[in-house]
C-alpha atoms as a PDB file:
ATOM      1  CA  MET A   1     -25.444 156.057-139.487  1.00  0.00           C
ATOM      2  CA  SER A   2     -22.191 157.962-139.646  1.00  0.00           C
ATOM      3  CA  GLU A   3     -19.332 158.064-142.086  1.00  0.00           C
ATOM      4  CA  MET A   4     -15.887 157.066-140.890  1.00  0.00           C
ATOM      5  CA  ARG A   5     -12.630 158.016-142.631  1.00  0.00           C
ATOM      6  CA  VAL A   6      -9.729 155.648-142.137  1.00  0.00           C
ATOM      7  CA  ILE A   7      -6.128 156.170-143.227  1.00  0.00           C
ATOM      8  CA  ASP A   8      -4.249 152.917-143.847  1.00  0.00           C
ATOM      9  CA  ASP A   9      -0.511 152.176-143.656  1.00  0.00           C
ATOM     10  CA  SER A  10       0.079 153.347-147.232  1.00  0.00           C
ATOM     11  CA  GLY A  11      -1.538 156.743-146.570  1.00  0.00           C
ATOM     12  CA  GLU A  12      -4.701 156.006-148.585  1.00  0.00           C
ATOM     13  CA  ILE A  13      -7.956 157.325-147.173  1.00  0.00           C
ATOM     14  CA  TRP A  14     -10.912 154.900-147.037  1.00  0.00           C
ATOM     15  CA  HIS A  15     -14.544 155.614-146.155  1.00  0.00           C
ATOM     16  CA  CYS A  16     -17.115 153.449-144.403  1.00  0.00           C
ATOM     17  CA  GLN A  17     -20.686 153.798-143.157  1.00  0.00           C
ATOM     18  CA  LEU A  18     -21.168 152.549-139.593  1.00  0.00           C
ATOM     19  CA  HIS A  19     -23.845 152.422-136.921  1.00  0.00           C
ATOM     20  CA  ASN A  20     -23.562 155.058-134.204  1.00  0.00           C
ATOM     21  CA  ILE A  21     -24.951 152.776-131.505  1.00  0.00           C
ATOM     22  CA  LYS A  22     -22.503 149.905-132.002  1.00  0.00           C
ATOM     23  CA  PHE A  23     -19.393 152.082-132.432  1.00  0.00           C
ATOM     24  CA  ARG A  24     -20.238 155.132-130.320  1.00  0.00           C
ATOM     25  CA  PHE A  25     -16.769 155.112-128.702  1.00  0.00           C
ATOM     26  CA  LEU A  26     -15.039 156.134-131.963  1.00  0.00           C
ATOM     27  CA  LYS A  27     -13.621 159.647-132.057  1.00  0.00           C
ATOM     28  CA  GLU A  28     -11.383 161.483-134.499  1.00  0.00           C
ATOM     29  CA  GLY A  29      -7.673 160.777-134.126  1.00  0.00           C
ATOM     30  CA  LEU A  30      -7.926 157.278-132.625  1.00  0.00           C
ATOM     31  CA  TYR A  31      -5.755 154.396-133.771  1.00  0.00           C
ATOM     32  CA  VAL A  32      -8.001 151.440-134.518  1.00  0.00           C
ATOM     33  CA  ARG A  33      -7.826 147.913-135.867  1.00  0.00           C
ATOM     34  CA  ILE A  34     -10.795 146.784-137.950  1.00  0.00           C
ATOM     35  CA  ARG A  35     -11.674 143.098-138.204  1.00  0.00           C
ATOM     36  CA  GLY A  36     -14.305 141.733-140.556  1.00  0.00           C
ATOM     37  CA  ALA A  37     -14.271 144.488-143.187  1.00  0.00           C
ATOM     38  CA  THR A  38     -15.330 143.709-146.741  1.00  0.00           C
ATOM     39  CA  LEU A  39     -14.592 145.274-150.115  1.00  0.00           C
ATOM     40  CA  GLN A  40     -17.975 144.207-151.457  1.00  0.00           C
ATOM     41  CA  TYR A  41     -19.010 147.810-152.055  1.00  0.00           C
ATOM     42  CA  HIS A  42     -15.565 148.976-153.156  1.00  0.00           C
ATOM     43  CA  GLU A  43     -15.489 151.508-155.975  1.00  0.00           C
ATOM     44  CA  LYS A  44     -12.232 152.380-157.728  1.00  0.00           C
ATOM     45  CA  SER A  45     -12.803 156.145-157.809  1.00  0.00           C
ATOM     46  CA  TYR A  46     -13.992 156.424-154.203  1.00  0.00           C
ATOM     47  CA  ARG A  47     -12.238 154.081-151.766  1.00  0.00           C
ATOM     48  CA  THR A  48     -14.982 152.560-149.631  1.00  0.00           C
ATOM     49  CA  PHE A  49     -15.361 149.398-147.606  1.00  0.00           C
ATOM     50  CA  GLY A  50     -18.208 147.790-145.734  1.00  0.00           C
ATOM     51  CA  LEU A  51     -18.618 146.186-142.346  1.00  0.00           C
ATOM     52  CA  ARG A  52     -20.249 142.830-141.712  1.00  0.00           C
ATOM     53  CA  ASN A  53     -22.591 142.060-138.807  1.00  0.00           C
ATOM     54  CA  TYR A  54     -19.725 140.465-136.884  1.00  0.00           C
ATOM     55  CA  SER A  55     -17.152 143.210-137.634  1.00  0.00           C
ATOM     56  CA  ASN A  56     -15.176 144.577-134.711  1.00  0.00           C
ATOM     57  CA  ILE A  57     -13.299 147.836-134.334  1.00  0.00           C
ATOM     58  CA  ILE A  58     -10.688 147.842-131.596  1.00  0.00           C
ATOM     59  CA  ASN A  59      -9.374 151.100-130.148  1.00  0.00           C
ATOM     60  CA  LEU A  60      -5.579 150.926-129.736  1.00  0.00           C
ATOM     61  CA  PRO A  61      -3.848 152.957-127.013  1.00  0.00           C
ATOM     62  CA  TYR A  62      -0.859 154.953-128.256  1.00  0.00           C
ATOM     63  CA  PRO A  63       1.943 153.234-126.309  1.00  0.00           C
ATOM     64  CA  CYS A  64       1.176 149.829-127.889  1.00  0.00           C
ATOM     65  CA  LYS A  65       3.446 148.509-130.664  1.00  0.00           C
ATOM     66  CA  LEU A  66       0.665 148.363-133.291  1.00  0.00           C
ATOM     67  CA  ALA A  67      -0.208 152.046-132.790  1.00  0.00           C
ATOM     68  CA  GLN A  68       3.446 153.112-132.956  1.00  0.00           C
ATOM     69  CA  ASP A  69       3.845 151.301-136.297  1.00  0.00           C
ATOM     70  CA  MET A  70       0.916 153.304-137.716  1.00  0.00           C
ATOM     71  CA  MET A  71       2.336 156.760-136.940  1.00  0.00           C
ATOM     72  CA  PHE A  72       2.031 159.307-139.745  1.00  0.00           C
ATOM     73  CA  ASP A  73       1.904 163.082-140.146  1.00  0.00           C
ATOM     74  CA  GLU A  74      -1.812 163.624-139.468  1.00  0.00           C
ATOM     75  CA  PRO A  75      -2.038 167.403-140.160  1.00  0.00           C
ATOM     76  CA  SER A  76      -0.441 167.145-143.621  1.00  0.00           C
ATOM     77  CA  GLU A  77      -2.504 164.054-144.569  1.00  0.00           C
ATOM     78  CA  LYS A  78      -5.712 165.793-143.467  1.00  0.00           C
ATOM     79  CA  ALA A  79      -4.827 168.961-145.412  1.00  0.00           C
ATOM     80  CA  ALA A  80      -4.007 166.925-148.527  1.00  0.00           C
ATOM     81  CA  PHE A  81      -7.349 165.113-148.304  1.00  0.00           C
ATOM     82  CA  GLU A  82      -9.383 168.290-147.848  1.00  0.00           C
ATOM     83  CA  THR A  83      -7.745 169.983-150.865  1.00  0.00           C
ATOM     84  CA  GLN A  84      -8.772 167.119-153.179  1.00  0.00           C
END
């Protein structure tokens, strides 16, 4: 099991536990689309979400329209998260 940090469109950082074997292609800095996520284990103080058995994570290449819409200033967001 590994922990994944995801930054959504609003700039909020979410955390999720995932299986290394199923999602071994995930690397830091990728643009992804997650289908089948659940807020069943959501806590207000610590933004977490879960994945169902049928959840999919799709890696988006940069030139696609969805990835361009998700552009943000990664270094400043990462620095802000680590100072919290």
